[in-house]
Every structure is written in C-alpha cells, then in structure tokens.
Protein backbone atom coordinates (compact mmCIF):
# COMPACT_ATOMS: atom_id res chain seq x y z
CA MET A 1 34.94 65.14 -48.61
CA ARG A 2 35.54 62.99 -45.68
CA ILE A 3 39.03 64.43 -45.20
CA PHE A 4 37.74 67.97 -45.72
CA LEU A 5 35.12 67.49 -42.85
CA SER A 6 37.64 65.97 -40.68
CA CYS A 7 39.93 68.87 -41.07
CA LEU A 8 37.09 71.35 -40.52
CA PHE A 9 36.08 69.56 -37.31
CA PHE A 10 39.85 69.74 -36.15
CA VAL A 11 39.78 73.53 -36.82
CA LEU A 12 36.61 74.23 -34.99
CA VAL A 13 37.60 72.18 -31.87
CA ALA A 14 41.18 73.30 -31.74
CA ALA A 15 40.71 76.94 -32.40
CA PRO A 16 39.89 78.01 -28.97
CA ALA A 17 42.94 76.37 -27.63
CA ILE A 18 45.06 77.88 -30.29
CA TRP A 19 43.92 81.37 -29.65
CA ALA A 20 44.35 80.94 -25.88
CA SER A 21 47.91 79.71 -26.23
CA THR A 22 48.55 82.59 -28.82
CA CYS A 23 47.97 85.22 -26.04
CA GLU A 24 50.42 83.48 -23.60
CA THR A 25 53.01 82.59 -26.12
CA LEU A 26 53.10 86.16 -27.23
CA ALA A 27 53.38 87.34 -23.55
CA ARG A 28 56.36 84.90 -23.07
CA GLU A 29 58.00 86.32 -26.10
CA ALA A 30 57.52 89.78 -24.93
CA GLU A 31 58.94 88.83 -21.37
CA VAL A 32 62.19 87.88 -23.33
CA LYS A 33 62.39 90.92 -25.32
CA HIS A 34 61.77 93.40 -22.49
CA GLY A 35 63.51 91.67 -19.69
CA ILE A 36 60.30 91.01 -17.76
CA PRO A 37 60.61 88.19 -15.17
CA PRO A 38 59.54 84.94 -16.54
CA GLY A 39 55.89 84.25 -16.19
CA LEU A 40 54.89 87.77 -14.94
CA LEU A 41 53.16 88.98 -18.24
CA ILE A 42 51.56 85.71 -18.59
CA ALA A 43 50.09 86.01 -15.08
CA ILE A 44 48.88 89.46 -15.82
CA ALA A 45 47.32 88.26 -18.98
CA ARG A 46 45.43 85.57 -17.09
CA ALA A 47 44.36 88.04 -14.47
CA GLU A 48 43.10 90.24 -17.20
CA SER A 49 41.39 87.99 -19.72
CA GLY A 50 41.61 84.48 -18.21
CA ARG A 51 39.05 82.27 -19.57
CA PRO A 52 38.27 78.81 -18.03
CA ASP A 53 37.53 76.06 -20.65
CA GLY A 54 36.32 73.37 -18.17
CA ALA A 55 39.09 71.08 -18.84
CA GLY A 56 42.32 72.78 -17.93
CA PRO A 57 43.61 75.93 -16.25
CA VAL A 58 42.35 79.29 -16.89
CA GLU A 59 44.10 80.93 -20.05
CA ALA A 60 44.29 84.42 -21.42
CA TRP A 61 41.77 84.82 -24.28
CA PRO A 62 42.15 87.55 -27.02
CA TRP A 63 38.37 88.20 -27.76
CA THR A 64 37.59 89.79 -24.42
CA SER A 65 36.24 93.07 -23.32
CA ASN A 66 35.31 94.77 -20.11
CA ILE A 67 32.94 97.65 -20.15
CA ARG A 68 32.95 99.53 -16.90
CA GLY A 69 33.35 96.31 -14.88
CA ALA A 70 31.25 94.06 -17.06
CA GLY A 71 33.40 91.51 -18.64
CA ARG A 72 32.47 89.47 -21.66
CA TYR A 73 34.10 86.75 -23.73
CA TYR A 74 33.39 86.50 -27.45
CA GLU A 75 33.89 83.29 -29.51
CA THR A 76 35.29 85.24 -32.64
CA ARG A 77 37.17 88.51 -33.35
CA ILE A 78 34.37 89.47 -35.60
CA GLU A 79 31.74 89.20 -32.84
CA ALA A 80 33.98 91.33 -30.44
CA LEU A 81 34.44 93.87 -32.95
CA GLU A 82 30.71 94.25 -33.86
CA HIS A 83 29.71 94.62 -30.08
CA LEU A 84 32.49 97.14 -29.36
CA THR A 85 31.88 99.14 -32.58
CA ARG A 86 28.22 99.50 -31.45
CA THR A 87 29.43 100.40 -27.89
CA LEU A 88 31.76 102.99 -29.23
CA ASP A 89 28.91 104.40 -31.58
CA SER A 90 26.63 104.75 -28.47
CA GLY A 91 29.14 107.10 -26.95
CA GLU A 92 30.81 104.76 -24.42
CA GLU A 93 34.56 105.07 -24.85
CA SER A 94 36.07 103.49 -21.71
CA PHE A 95 36.49 99.72 -22.12
CA ASP A 96 39.27 97.10 -22.00
CA ILE A 97 40.12 95.10 -24.94
CA GLY A 98 42.04 91.90 -25.76
CA CYS A 99 44.60 89.60 -24.24
CA MET A 100 46.09 92.25 -21.94
CA GLN A 101 42.82 94.32 -21.56
CA ILE A 102 44.18 97.59 -22.96
CA ASN A 103 41.78 100.44 -22.21
CA TRP A 104 40.57 102.11 -25.36
CA TYR A 105 39.94 105.58 -23.68
CA TRP A 106 43.43 105.91 -22.12
CA HIS A 107 45.50 103.99 -24.75
CA GLY A 108 43.47 104.01 -27.97
CA ASP A 109 45.44 106.83 -29.49
CA HIS A 110 48.34 104.51 -29.93
CA PHE A 111 46.29 102.35 -32.42
CA GLU A 112 44.49 103.27 -35.62
CA SER A 113 41.35 101.17 -35.00
CA LEU A 114 39.68 98.77 -32.66
CA ASP A 115 40.59 96.06 -34.79
CA ALA A 116 44.29 96.89 -34.46
CA LEU A 117 44.08 96.97 -30.65
CA PHE A 118 42.40 93.55 -30.77
CA GLU A 119 45.30 92.02 -32.77
CA PRO A 120 47.00 89.75 -30.08
CA ALA A 121 50.50 90.52 -31.12
CA ARG A 122 49.99 94.33 -31.02
CA ASN A 123 47.87 94.11 -27.79
CA VAL A 124 50.67 92.02 -25.95
CA ALA A 125 53.55 94.11 -27.44
CA TYR A 126 52.03 97.32 -26.14
CA ALA A 127 51.32 95.91 -22.76
CA ALA A 128 54.84 94.68 -22.40
CA GLN A 129 56.35 98.01 -23.30
CA PHE A 130 53.79 99.95 -20.99
CA LEU A 131 54.62 97.65 -17.97
CA SER A 132 58.32 98.23 -18.72
CA GLU A 133 57.84 101.86 -18.59
CA LEU A 134 55.95 101.64 -15.30
CA ARG A 135 58.76 99.59 -13.86
CA VAL A 136 61.11 102.33 -14.72
CA GLU A 137 58.86 104.90 -13.22
CA ALA A 138 58.10 103.08 -10.05
CA GLY A 139 61.38 101.36 -9.29
CA SER A 140 60.22 97.77 -9.13
CA TRP A 141 58.39 95.12 -10.95
CA GLU A 142 55.93 94.75 -8.04
CA ALA A 143 54.98 98.42 -8.16
CA ALA A 144 54.68 98.35 -11.92
CA VAL A 145 52.08 95.62 -11.50
CA ARG A 146 50.06 97.54 -9.24
CA LEU A 147 50.20 100.61 -11.49
CA TYR A 148 49.26 98.56 -14.53
CA HIS A 149 45.93 97.93 -12.86
CA SER A 150 45.48 101.24 -11.03
CA ARG A 151 47.08 104.14 -9.41
CA ASP A 152 44.79 103.78 -6.49
CA PRO A 153 46.85 102.09 -3.83
CA ASP A 154 44.33 99.85 -2.48
CA ARG A 155 43.34 98.48 -5.80
CA GLY A 156 46.86 98.08 -6.83
CA ARG A 157 47.69 95.94 -3.79
CA SER A 158 44.52 93.72 -4.42
CA TYR A 159 45.43 93.32 -7.94
CA ALA A 160 49.05 92.44 -7.27
CA ALA A 161 47.95 89.79 -4.73
CA ARG A 162 45.83 88.15 -7.61
CA VAL A 163 48.71 88.20 -9.98
CA ARG A 164 50.99 86.77 -7.36
CA ASP A 165 48.60 83.91 -6.89
CA ILE A 166 48.43 83.23 -10.61
CA LEU A 167 52.30 83.44 -10.96
CA SER A 168 52.72 80.93 -8.09
CA ASN A 169 50.66 78.43 -9.98
CA LEU A 170 52.55 78.63 -13.23
CA SER A 171 54.23 75.40 -13.77
CA VAL A 172 55.33 75.44 -17.41
CA LEU A 173 56.17 78.49 -19.63
CA PRO A 174 55.42 78.54 -23.40
CA GLU A 175 58.41 77.89 -25.63
CA VAL A 176 59.62 80.94 -27.36
CA THR A 177 58.71 80.02 -30.94
CA LEU A 178 56.92 83.01 -32.47
CA ALA A 179 58.43 86.12 -33.78
CA VAL A 180 58.31 88.94 -31.52
CA ALA A 181 55.81 91.55 -32.45
CA PRO A 182 57.32 95.13 -33.12
CA ALA A 183 56.63 97.74 -30.50
CA PRO A 184 53.73 100.18 -31.27
CA ARG A 185 54.53 102.67 -33.89
CA ASN A 186 55.55 106.10 -32.94
CA TYR A 187 55.54 105.15 -29.17
CA VAL A 188 56.28 108.02 -26.91
CA PRO A 189 57.26 107.38 -23.27
CA SER A 190 54.47 108.41 -20.90
CA ARG A 191 52.02 109.35 -23.74
CA ALA A 192 49.62 106.95 -22.31
CA LEU A 193 49.12 109.27 -19.46
CA SER A 194 48.84 112.34 -21.56
CA ARG A 195 45.01 112.50 -21.32
CA GLN A 196 43.56 114.01 -18.14
CA ASP A 197 43.26 111.06 -15.62
CA ARG A 198 39.71 111.76 -14.36
CA ARG A 199 40.21 109.28 -11.45
CA PHE A 200 42.25 111.95 -9.49
CA ASP A 201 42.23 115.58 -8.99
CA ALA A 202 43.63 117.11 -12.20
CA GLN A 203 45.79 119.66 -10.31
CA THR A 204 47.67 116.90 -8.39
CA PRO A 205 50.46 115.01 -10.08
CA LEU A 206 49.59 111.32 -10.48
CA VAL A 207 52.58 109.97 -8.68
CA ALA A 208 52.17 112.29 -5.85
CA THR A 209 48.73 110.81 -5.16
CA LEU A 210 50.40 107.53 -4.03
CA PRO A 211 51.58 107.48 -0.31
CA ALA A 212 55.27 106.67 0.44
CA ALA A 213 54.29 102.92 0.90
CA THR A 214 57.13 100.69 1.45
CA TYR A 215 56.57 98.60 -1.76
CA TRP A 216 58.13 101.60 -3.58
CA MET A 217 61.40 100.82 -1.68
CA SER A 218 61.52 97.27 -3.26
CA SER A 219 64.69 96.83 -5.20
CA ALA A 220 64.39 96.33 -9.03
CA LEU A 221 64.64 92.70 -10.14
CA GLY A 222 66.93 91.67 -12.95
CA ALA A 223 65.82 89.61 -15.90
CA GLY A 224 65.19 85.87 -15.08
CA LYS A 225 64.01 86.60 -11.46
CA VAL A 226 60.63 86.27 -10.11
CA PRO A 227 59.26 89.28 -8.28
CA ASP A 228 58.66 88.76 -4.55
CA PHE A 229 54.92 89.74 -3.84
CA VAL A 230 55.03 88.90 -0.20
CA PRO A 231 53.12 91.65 1.62
CA ASP A 232 55.27 93.88 3.73
CA ALA A 233 54.07 93.33 7.40
CA ARG A 234 55.08 96.94 8.21
CA ARG A 235 52.28 98.38 6.07
C-alpha cells in the first residue's frame, strides 16, 4: 500500500510537467519533420498556450481554450472537454483549443470531434502542417508566423514580436524521442480557409487585403536556421 501511495503521489505531482513537456516535445518533432526552424513551433506553442507553473519558465499546456479572447487553463482533458462541449451546445463555435490553440470554427472540419482536436499529437501535427502551408503562401517563416495568428497586418506584427521574444529566450530544445504524429487525415491544402472569413470583406481575396509590406520580401529560411524577426526600419 505504501508503494502504491508513493506512486500515486508521483503521478499526481509529475502529471502537469509531463503534459507541458509533451506539447513542446511534439512541437520539436514536428519542426524536424516539416523543416521548420528549430524552436519556432515551440515558441508559437508558448505564445498560444503557455502556462506559468511558478517554478520555471512558461510552458505550453494542452488543456487550454480561448473563447473570444477569454483564455482558460484546465487541469484535465475531461474538464476541458466538458466545458467546451457546453460552450458548443450554447451555440458558440469560435474558440481556440489545445497546445497550438487551433480554432474550432475555422479548422474543426479537419477533426472528427472536439476530443480529437484536443489530442496533443493531432493538435501539434495540424499546426505544423498549417504553418508550413502559410510559409509557402507567404514566402517566409516570419510572414507565416504573422498569418498563423491573424491576416490583419497590425495584429500579425504584434504577434510576431511576441514569438520573437519567446524564441530568443529558448535555451534548450527538447530531444527528439517521440514518434512523429501523422498529418491530419484527408488534408487538402488551403482547406482551412475554405469557410468564409468574416473578418474581411467576402468579396476581397484574403491575400489582397494585406499591404505590400516589406516583410513579404524576406527571403525564405532553410531548415536549421532561426528566422530573423528584427523589425524593418523602413516600415
């Protein structure tokens, strides 16, 4: 009995650290698979779902939601699912989920359920593929980071600055030890943008809403290189 209680205590105490490291280890795996600059996806994960533990740096946390700007951390996956199921039943569909804060309204049709989207491996794998697609569309990792958050230029610049700050403070990257999660099934490029984007005029192409800002001219970075987020003084 004493051994059982000791093991149970270890599980309860260590579980938060285990889940936090899972998000970031999966992100590192995805970086390797997709040729994303080292640490970039981890920095995005921390920007999206970073949770302070009071003892160390902020780390990405999988049981996280953001409902129209109101963020919330849950202790367990069950608690998160129960809350968001009630939210969905109330008619609210626009909320972000998990390690990488994937939006249910815009991307939920790639997943069979809320539970599937909460799965850390699926959540991170989808985010990595989506970011890689944005990089192809935009021409650079910096621009892809901006678009990952928003197609509004001002919001994108602010978000990129936050990611840049987190990236600059990453000292140790997780070792690649976990199996890389498969890409979302039946993935179709640009399908995530198939729904009408109500943030912009429906008659205007999304890319055309962006001004010809100089960050679009940034050269694409190869695998293994850290993106340069230094603001362009000419803007």
